[in-house]
Amino acid sequence: MVRSSASDLAAGQTIEEHAHGWHQLIHASQGVLMVSTGGGSWVVPSSWAVWVPAGVRHRIRAAGAAKFRTVYVAPGVAPGLPESCAAITVSPLLRELILRVVALGMLDRRDSVETSIAWVLLDEIRHSPVPPFGLPEPRTEATRRAVDQVFSGGDTGLAAVAKEAGVSPRTLERRFLAETGMSLGRWRRRGAMLAAIERLAAGASVKAAAGAAGYATPSAFVAAFRAEFGETPGRYFAAD
């Protein structure tokens, strides 16, 4: 009902798009992983993990050297597990449970101790808080064209982006909000922050990450980072 796998990934190493027949909890016990699906993208330090339901295609990349730990859960084994991809907070207890399951390889339901570990693990997954740092993917052709324009390096003003998408600025803003739950401006800032986290995990300085994200000073970047994620870059990586 619960099994696991473990591997160490080199900086930049990618596990190409794939899917599993079991639910998957993706965790980096050290380092930072980038997890992408058709529905969103997440940057995952060791204080968080990403839940990927069975059958959902996903891609994983290591920003820097990372210890990749995964717990697989058989579909239907317990009610109340997330039905869609989501990030969850890894409490100290959940972290130790993940590492224990990885050490055991597979939990045997005939063993009372291992069965107890499984139920506590599943209960922790069900009740772990969701950190607000995913990047929802736009779903329609027009909004995807808008995203391509945002990251093209050309004119990224709202009028130019809307023109590339083939809609009016007001329509683009309305569609983007409906599809992602964010305004285009907020989505763009979140995307820049997630890219900055990847750079920091790969060893870039705060100054370099700030410049790449479009901030004039490191202090302005740190303030924006704290506003977005609730903590400074230093505390974000503190658990690694």
C-alpha atoms as a PDB file:
ATOM      1  CA  MET A   1       0.000   0.000   0.000  1.00  0.00           C
ATOM      2  CA  VAL A   2       3.018   2.307   0.472  1.00  0.00           C
ATOM      3  CA  ARG A   3       6.421   1.974  -1.176  1.00  0.00           C
ATOM      4  CA  SER A   4       9.326   4.298  -1.901  1.00  0.00           C
ATOM      5  CA  SER A   5      12.368   5.118  -3.980  1.00  0.00           C
ATOM      6  CA  ALA A   6      15.502   7.197  -3.463  1.00  0.00           C
ATOM      7  CA  SER A   7      18.137   8.688  -5.734  1.00  0.00           C
ATOM      8  CA  ASP A   8      20.619  11.521  -5.779  1.00  0.00           C
ATOM      9  CA  LEU A   9      20.351  13.982  -8.655  1.00  0.00           C
ATOM     10  CA  ALA A  10      23.145  16.122 -10.052  1.00  0.00           C
ATOM     11  CA  ALA A  11      22.623  19.837 -10.648  1.00  0.00           C
ATOM     12  CA  GLY A  12      20.428  20.272 -13.704  1.00  0.00           C
ATOM     13  CA  GLN A  13      19.594  16.565 -13.978  1.00  0.00           C
ATOM     14  CA  THR A  14      16.087  16.004 -15.348  1.00  0.00           C
ATOM     15  CA  ILE A  15      13.620  13.150 -15.083  1.00  0.00           C
ATOM     16  CA  GLU A  16      11.602  13.601 -18.256  1.00  0.00           C
ATOM     17  CA  GLU A  17       7.816  13.658 -18.372  1.00  0.00           C
ATOM     18  CA  HIS A  18       6.231  10.434 -17.136  1.00  0.00           C
ATOM     19  CA  ALA A  19       3.367   9.121 -15.008  1.00  0.00           C
ATOM     20  CA  HIS A  20       2.869   6.437 -12.349  1.00  0.00           C
ATOM     21  CA  GLY A  21       0.071   4.036 -11.541  1.00  0.00           C
ATOM     22  CA  TRP A  22       0.376   5.008  -7.858  1.00  0.00           C
ATOM     23  CA  HIS A  23       0.049   8.408  -6.182  1.00  0.00           C
ATOM     24  CA  GLN A  24       3.427  10.039  -5.577  1.00  0.00           C
ATOM     25  CA  LEU A  25       4.790  12.362  -2.882  1.00  0.00           C
ATOM     26  CA  ILE A  26       7.913  14.040  -4.278  1.00  0.00           C
ATOM     27  CA  HIS A  27      10.364  15.301  -1.661  1.00  0.00           C
ATOM     28  CA  ALA A  28      13.932  16.614  -1.677  1.00  0.00           C
ATOM     29  CA  SER A  29      15.546  15.724   1.631  1.00  0.00           C
ATOM     30  CA  GLN A  30      18.352  18.021   0.490  1.00  0.00           C
ATOM     31  CA  GLY A  31      18.443  20.585  -2.299  1.00  0.00           C
ATOM     32  CA  VAL A  32      15.636  21.956  -4.450  1.00  0.00           C
ATOM     33  CA  LEU A  33      13.508  20.200  -7.081  1.00  0.00           C
ATOM     34  CA  MET A  34      11.438  21.732  -9.867  1.00  0.00           C
ATOM     35  CA  VAL A  35       8.223  19.805 -10.549  1.00  0.00           C
ATOM     36  CA  SER A  36       6.094  20.598 -13.617  1.00  0.00           C
ATOM     37  CA  THR A  37       2.747  19.211 -14.762  1.00  0.00           C
ATOM     38  CA  GLY A  38       0.157  20.308 -17.286  1.00  0.00           C
ATOM     39  CA  GLY A  39      -1.643  22.107 -14.469  1.00  0.00           C
ATOM     40  CA  GLY A  40       1.192  23.991 -12.791  1.00  0.00           C
ATOM     41  CA  SER A  41       4.802  24.241 -11.710  1.00  0.00           C
ATOM     42  CA  TRP A  42       6.376  24.123  -8.262  1.00  0.00           C
ATOM     43  CA  VAL A  43       9.828  24.859  -6.852  1.00  0.00           C
ATOM     44  CA  VAL A  44      10.330  22.545  -3.906  1.00  0.00           C
ATOM     45  CA  PRO A  45      12.884  23.002  -1.111  1.00  0.00           C
ATOM     46  CA  SER A  46      13.241  20.365   1.605  1.00  0.00           C
ATOM     47  CA  SER A  47      10.597  22.001   3.790  1.00  0.00           C
ATOM     48  CA  TRP A  48       7.906  21.181   1.211  1.00  0.00           C
ATOM     49  CA  ALA A  49       6.870  18.359  -1.102  1.00  0.00           C
ATOM     50  CA  VAL A  50       4.591  17.941  -4.116  1.00  0.00           C
ATOM     51  CA  TRP A  51       1.723  15.469  -4.273  1.00  0.00           C
ATOM     52  CA  VAL A  52       1.130  14.020  -7.762  1.00  0.00           C
ATOM     53  CA  PRO A  53      -1.949  11.784  -8.155  1.00  0.00           C
ATOM     54  CA  ALA A  54      -1.728   8.526 -10.084  1.00  0.00           C
ATOM     55  CA  GLY A  55      -1.774   8.955 -13.848  1.00  0.00           C
ATOM     56  CA  VAL A  56      -0.716  12.633 -13.887  1.00  0.00           C
ATOM     57  CA  ARG A  57       2.210  13.264 -16.214  1.00  0.00           C
ATOM     58  CA  HIS A  58       4.996  15.275 -14.615  1.00  0.00           C
ATOM     59  CA  ARG A  59       8.612  16.315 -15.055  1.00  0.00           C
ATOM     60  CA  ILE A  60      11.264  16.757 -12.352  1.00  0.00           C
ATOM     61  CA  ARG A  61      14.481  18.754 -12.494  1.00  0.00           C
ATOM     62  CA  ALA A  62      17.139  19.340  -9.846  1.00  0.00           C
ATOM     63  CA  ALA A  63      18.125  23.011  -9.517  1.00  0.00           C
ATOM     64  CA  GLY A  64      21.338  22.067  -7.745  1.00  0.00           C
ATOM     65  CA  ALA A  65      22.562  18.754  -6.378  1.00  0.00           C
ATOM     66  CA  ALA A  66      19.580  17.183  -4.612  1.00  0.00           C
ATOM     67  CA  LYS A  67      18.609  14.078  -2.681  1.00  0.00           C
ATOM     68  CA  PHE A  68      15.363  12.928  -4.316  1.00  0.00           C
ATOM     69  CA  ARG A  69      13.058  10.887  -2.073  1.00  0.00           C
ATOM     70  CA  THR A  70       9.656   9.598  -3.180  1.00  0.00           C
ATOM     71  CA  VAL A  71       6.808   7.857  -1.404  1.00  0.00           C
ATOM     72  CA  TYR A  72       4.222   6.024  -3.543  1.00  0.00           C
ATOM     73  CA  VAL A  73       0.704   5.370  -2.267  1.00  0.00           C
ATOM     74  CA  ALA A  74      -1.631   2.828  -3.838  1.00  0.00           C
ATOM     75  CA  PRO A  75      -4.831   4.397  -5.213  1.00  0.00           C
ATOM     76  CA  GLY A  76      -7.864   3.767  -3.034  1.00  0.00           C
ATOM     77  CA  VAL A  77      -5.850   2.850   0.043  1.00  0.00           C
ATOM     78  CA  ALA A  78      -7.219   5.757   2.104  1.00  0.00           C
ATOM     79  CA  PRO A  79      -9.901   8.462   1.736  1.00  0.00           C
ATOM     80  CA  GLY A  80      -9.235  12.180   1.832  1.00  0.00           C
ATOM     81  CA  LEU A  81      -5.950  12.295  -0.074  1.00  0.00           C
ATOM     82  CA  PRO A  82      -5.516  15.215  -2.498  1.00  0.00           C
ATOM     83  CA  GLU A  83      -7.259  14.683  -5.841  1.00  0.00           C
ATOM     84  CA  SER A  84      -5.038  17.058  -7.797  1.00  0.00           C
ATOM     85  CA  CYS A  85      -1.402  18.118  -7.780  1.00  0.00           C
ATOM     86  CA  ALA A  86      -0.527  20.261  -4.774  1.00  0.00           C
ATOM     87  CA  ALA A  87       2.391  21.366  -2.669  1.00  0.00           C
ATOM     88  CA  ILE A  88       2.287  20.423   0.999  1.00  0.00           C
ATOM     89  CA  THR A  89       4.339  21.519   3.983  1.00  0.00           C
ATOM     90  CA  VAL A  90       6.710  18.843   5.265  1.00  0.00           C
ATOM     91  CA  SER A  91       6.554  18.916   9.067  1.00  0.00           C
ATOM     92  CA  PRO A  92       9.442  17.410  11.064  1.00  0.00           C
ATOM     93  CA  LEU A  93       7.237  14.349  11.675  1.00  0.00           C
ATOM     94  CA  LEU A  94       6.359  13.929   7.978  1.00  0.00           C
ATOM     95  CA  ARG A  95      10.003  14.315   7.022  1.00  0.00           C
ATOM     96  CA  GLU A  96      11.038  11.522   9.395  1.00  0.00           C
ATOM     97  CA  LEU A  97       8.183   9.326   8.179  1.00  0.00           C
ATOM     98  CA  ILE A  98       9.288   9.797   4.562  1.00  0.00           C
ATOM     99  CA  LEU A  99      12.870   8.905   5.414  1.00  0.00           C
ATOM    100  CA  ARG A 100      11.713   5.877   7.413  1.00  0.00           C
ATOM    101  CA  VAL A 101       9.593   4.583   4.531  1.00  0.00           C
ATOM    102  CA  VAL A 102      12.513   5.130   2.146  1.00  0.00           C
ATOM    103  CA  ALA A 103      14.766   3.138   4.477  1.00  0.00           C
ATOM    104  CA  LEU A 104      12.238   0.274   4.578  1.00  0.00           C
ATOM    105  CA  GLY A 105      11.562   0.354   0.842  1.00  0.00           C
ATOM    106  CA  MET A 106       7.984  -0.932   1.081  1.00  0.00           C
ATOM    107  CA  LEU A 107       5.584  -1.118   4.004  1.00  0.00           C
ATOM    108  CA  ASP A 108       4.116  -4.548   4.678  1.00  0.00           C
ATOM    109  CA  ARG A 109       0.459  -4.414   5.737  1.00  0.00           C
ATOM    110  CA  ARG A 110       0.996  -7.739   7.575  1.00  0.00           C
ATOM    111  CA  ASP A 111       3.422  -5.987   9.927  1.00  0.00           C
ATOM    112  CA  SER A 112       1.560  -4.015  12.608  1.00  0.00           C
ATOM    113  CA  VAL A 113       4.373  -1.484  13.110  1.00  0.00           C
ATOM    114  CA  GLU A 114       4.715  -0.800   9.385  1.00  0.00           C
ATOM    115  CA  THR A 115       0.944  -0.526   9.023  1.00  0.00           C
ATOM    116  CA  SER A 116       0.924   2.073  11.808  1.00  0.00           C
ATOM    117  CA  ILE A 117       3.682   4.022  10.050  1.00  0.00           C
ATOM    118  CA  ALA A 118       1.608   4.007   6.864  1.00  0.00           C
ATOM    119  CA  TRP A 119      -1.517   5.366   8.558  1.00  0.00           C
ATOM    120  CA  VAL A 120       0.381   8.131  10.357  1.00  0.00           C
ATOM    121  CA  LEU A 121       2.117   9.051   7.086  1.00  0.00           C
ATOM    122  CA  LEU A 122      -1.179   9.238   5.203  1.00  0.00           C
ATOM    123  CA  ASP A 123      -2.765  11.276   7.988  1.00  0.00           C
ATOM    124  CA  GLU A 124       0.130  13.763   7.855  1.00  0.00           C
ATOM    125  CA  ILE A 125      -0.275  14.102   4.080  1.00  0.00           C
ATOM    126  CA  ARG A 126      -4.013  14.719   4.431  1.00  0.00           C
ATOM    127  CA  HIS A 127      -3.617  17.432   7.049  1.00  0.00           C
ATOM    128  CA  SER A 128      -0.408  19.197   5.960  1.00  0.00           C
ATOM    129  CA  PRO A 129      -0.853  22.911   5.154  1.00  0.00           C
ATOM    130  CA  VAL A 130      -0.539  23.964   1.513  1.00  0.00           C
ATOM    131  CA  PRO A 131       2.211  26.572   0.985  1.00  0.00           C
ATOM    132  CA  PRO A 132       1.225  29.367  -1.440  1.00  0.00           C
ATOM    133  CA  PHE A 133       3.947  29.099  -4.035  1.00  0.00           C
ATOM    134  CA  GLY A 134       2.724  27.142  -7.043  1.00  0.00           C
ATOM    135  CA  LEU A 135       2.480  28.628 -10.523  1.00  0.00           C
ATOM    136  CA  PRO A 136      -0.805  27.569 -12.180  1.00  0.00           C
ATOM    137  CA  GLU A 137      -0.558  26.996 -15.929  1.00  0.00           C
ATOM    138  CA  PRO A 138      -2.925  28.920 -18.234  1.00  0.00           C
ATOM    139  CA  ARG A 139      -5.195  26.566 -20.166  1.00  0.00           C
ATOM    140  CA  THR A 140      -6.223  28.200 -23.455  1.00  0.00           C
ATOM    141  CA  GLU A 141      -4.260  28.996 -26.596  1.00  0.00           C
ATOM    142  CA  ALA A 142      -4.596  32.762 -26.142  1.00  0.00           C
ATOM    143  CA  THR A 143      -3.280  32.810 -22.574  1.00  0.00           C
ATOM    144  CA  ARG A 144      -0.464  30.417 -23.462  1.00  0.00           C
ATOM    145  CA  ARG A 145       0.579  32.765 -26.282  1.00  0.00           C
ATOM    146  CA  ALA A 146       0.550  35.567 -23.717  1.00  0.00           C
ATOM    147  CA  VAL A 147       2.918  33.597 -21.495  1.00  0.00           C
ATOM    148  CA  ASP A 148       5.245  32.947 -24.437  1.00  0.00           C
ATOM    149  CA  GLN A 149       5.344  36.702 -25.083  1.00  0.00           C
ATOM    150  CA  VAL A 150       6.072  37.430 -21.408  1.00  0.00           C
ATOM    151  CA  PHE A 151       9.154  35.207 -21.536  1.00  0.00           C
ATOM    152  CA  SER A 152      10.217  36.128 -25.083  1.00  0.00           C
ATOM    153  CA  GLY A 153      12.523  38.937 -24.047  1.00  0.00           C
ATOM    154  CA  GLY A 154      10.610  41.440 -26.194  1.00  0.00           C
ATOM    155  CA  ASP A 155       7.966  43.999 -25.252  1.00  0.00           C
ATOM    156  CA  THR A 156       6.143  42.612 -22.206  1.00  0.00           C
ATOM    157  CA  GLY A 157       3.761  45.516 -21.650  1.00  0.00           C
ATOM    158  CA  LEU A 158       0.132  44.505 -21.292  1.00  0.00           C
ATOM    159  CA  ALA A 159      -0.848  45.938 -24.695  1.00  0.00           C
ATOM    160  CA  ALA A 160       1.928  44.040 -26.507  1.00  0.00           C
ATOM    161  CA  VAL A 161       1.194  40.806 -24.683  1.00  0.00           C
ATOM    162  CA  ALA A 162      -2.524  41.085 -25.409  1.00  0.00           C
ATOM    163  CA  LYS A 163      -1.834  41.808 -29.086  1.00  0.00           C
ATOM    164  CA  GLU A 164       0.307  38.684 -29.345  1.00  0.00           C
ATOM    165  CA  ALA A 165      -2.476  36.680 -27.693  1.00  0.00           C
ATOM    166  CA  GLY A 166      -5.002  38.063 -30.170  1.00  0.00           C
ATOM    167  CA  VAL A 167      -7.342  39.592 -27.584  1.00  0.00           C
ATOM    168  CA  SER A 168      -7.901  42.948 -25.896  1.00  0.00           C
ATOM    169  CA  PRO A 169      -5.966  43.773 -22.717  1.00  0.00           C
ATOM    170  CA  ARG A 170      -9.172  43.641 -20.652  1.00  0.00           C
ATOM    171  CA  THR A 171     -10.144  40.247 -22.109  1.00  0.00           C
ATOM    172  CA  LEU A 172      -6.654  38.878 -21.490  1.00  0.00           C
ATOM    173  CA  GLU A 173      -6.697  39.995 -17.851  1.00  0.00           C
ATOM    174  CA  ARG A 174     -10.151  38.476 -17.348  1.00  0.00           C
ATOM    175  CA  ARG A 175      -9.197  35.152 -18.960  1.00  0.00           C
ATOM    176  CA  PHE A 176      -5.895  34.944 -17.106  1.00  0.00           C
ATOM    177  CA  LEU A 177      -7.584  35.501 -13.768  1.00  0.00           C
ATOM    178  CA  ALA A 178     -10.260  32.908 -14.551  1.00  0.00           C
ATOM    179  CA  GLU A 179      -7.726  30.271 -15.659  1.00  0.00           C
ATOM    180  CA  THR A 180      -4.984  30.733 -13.042  1.00  0.00           C
ATOM    181  CA  GLY A 181      -6.611  32.575 -10.144  1.00  0.00           C
ATOM    182  CA  MET A 182      -4.017  35.345 -10.570  1.00  0.00           C
ATOM    183  CA  SER A 183      -3.770  38.557 -12.519  1.00  0.00           C
ATOM    184  CA  LEU A 184      -1.217  38.486 -15.333  1.00  0.00           C
ATOM    185  CA  GLY A 185       1.009  40.872 -13.363  1.00  0.00           C
ATOM    186  CA  ARG A 186       0.972  38.726 -10.234  1.00  0.00           C
ATOM    187  CA  TRP A 187       1.537  35.558 -12.275  1.00  0.00           C
ATOM    188  CA  ARG A 188       4.528  37.195 -13.954  1.00  0.00           C
ATOM    189  CA  ARG A 189       6.000  38.237 -10.584  1.00  0.00           C
ATOM    190  CA  ARG A 190       5.452  34.730  -9.180  1.00  0.00           C
ATOM    191  CA  GLY A 191       7.150  33.194 -12.220  1.00  0.00           C
ATOM    192  CA  ALA A 192      10.131  35.513 -11.825  1.00  0.00           C
ATOM    193  CA  MET A 193      10.392  34.565  -8.151  1.00  0.00           C
ATOM    194  CA  LEU A 194      10.277  30.841  -8.888  1.00  0.00           C
ATOM    195  CA  ALA A 195      13.013  31.292 -11.490  1.00  0.00           C
ATOM    196  CA  ALA A 196      15.020  33.213  -8.874  1.00  0.00           C
ATOM    197  CA  ILE A 197      14.649  30.326  -6.406  1.00  0.00           C
ATOM    198  CA  GLU A 198      16.038  27.975  -9.040  1.00  0.00           C
ATOM    199  CA  ARG A 199      19.019  30.269  -9.575  1.00  0.00           C
ATOM    200  CA  LEU A 200      19.655  30.544  -5.828  1.00  0.00           C
ATOM    201  CA  ALA A 201      19.487  26.765  -5.449  1.00  0.00           C
ATOM    202  CA  ALA A 202      22.031  26.409  -8.263  1.00  0.00           C
ATOM    203  CA  GLY A 203      24.437  28.651  -6.327  1.00  0.00           C
ATOM    204  CA  ALA A 204      23.701  32.165  -7.608  1.00  0.00           C
ATOM    205  CA  SER A 205      24.066  35.075  -5.200  1.00  0.00           C
ATOM    206  CA  VAL A 206      21.041  37.005  -3.975  1.00  0.00           C
ATOM    207  CA  LYS A 207      22.342  39.992  -5.967  1.00  0.00           C
ATOM    208  CA  ALA A 208      22.494  37.959  -9.199  1.00  0.00           C
ATOM    209  CA  ALA A 209      19.072  36.401  -8.618  1.00  0.00           C
ATOM    210  CA  ALA A 210      17.609  39.834  -7.863  1.00  0.00           C
ATOM    211  CA  GLY A 211      18.977  41.299 -11.102  1.00  0.00           C
ATOM    212  CA  ALA A 212      17.691  38.391 -13.206  1.00  0.00           C
ATOM    213  CA  ALA A 213      14.248  38.785 -11.623  1.00  0.00           C
ATOM    214  CA  GLY A 214      14.176  42.481 -12.548  1.00  0.00           C
ATOM    215  CA  TYR A 215      14.868  44.055  -9.140  1.00  0.00           C
ATOM    216  CA  ALA A 216      17.201  47.050  -8.869  1.00  0.00           C
ATOM    217  CA  THR A 217      18.603  46.065  -5.470  1.00  0.00           C
ATOM    218  CA  PRO A 218      18.959  42.872  -3.413  1.00  0.00           C
ATOM    219  CA  SER A 219      16.989  44.471  -0.570  1.00  0.00           C
ATOM    220  CA  ALA A 220      14.024  45.148  -2.884  1.00  0.00           C
ATOM    221  CA  PHE A 221      14.190  41.528  -4.064  1.00  0.00           C
ATOM    222  CA  VAL A 222      14.320  40.171  -0.504  1.00  0.00           C
ATOM    223  CA  ALA A 223      11.321  42.318   0.482  1.00  0.00           C
ATOM    224  CA  ALA A 224       9.332  41.084  -2.542  1.00  0.00           C
ATOM    225  CA  PHE A 225      10.391  37.504  -1.831  1.00  0.00           C
ATOM    226  CA  ARG A 226       9.164  37.798   1.762  1.00  0.00           C
ATOM    227  CA  ALA A 227       5.865  39.302   0.587  1.00  0.00           C
ATOM    228  CA  GLU A 228       5.376  36.431  -1.876  1.00  0.00           C
ATOM    229  CA  PHE A 229       6.497  33.455   0.227  1.00  0.00           C
ATOM    230  CA  GLY A 230       6.288  34.679   3.806  1.00  0.00           C
ATOM    231  CA  GLU A 231      10.015  34.392   4.512  1.00  0.00           C
ATOM    232  CA  THR A 232      13.407  35.561   3.276  1.00  0.00           C
ATOM    233  CA  PRO A 233      15.482  33.560   0.767  1.00  0.00           C
ATOM    234  CA  GLY A 234      17.808  32.553   3.612  1.00  0.00           C
ATOM    235  CA  ARG A 235      14.983  31.053   5.675  1.00  0.00           C
ATOM    236  CA  TYR A 236      13.450  29.432   2.578  1.00  0.00           C
ATOM    237  CA  PHE A 237      16.626  27.382   2.135  1.00  0.00           C
ATOM    238  CA  ALA A 238      17.349  26.957   5.847  1.00  0.00           C
ATOM    239  CA  ALA A 239      16.051  23.375   5.988  1.00  0.00           C
ATOM    240  CA  ASP A 240      18.412  22.158   3.235  1.00  0.00           C
END
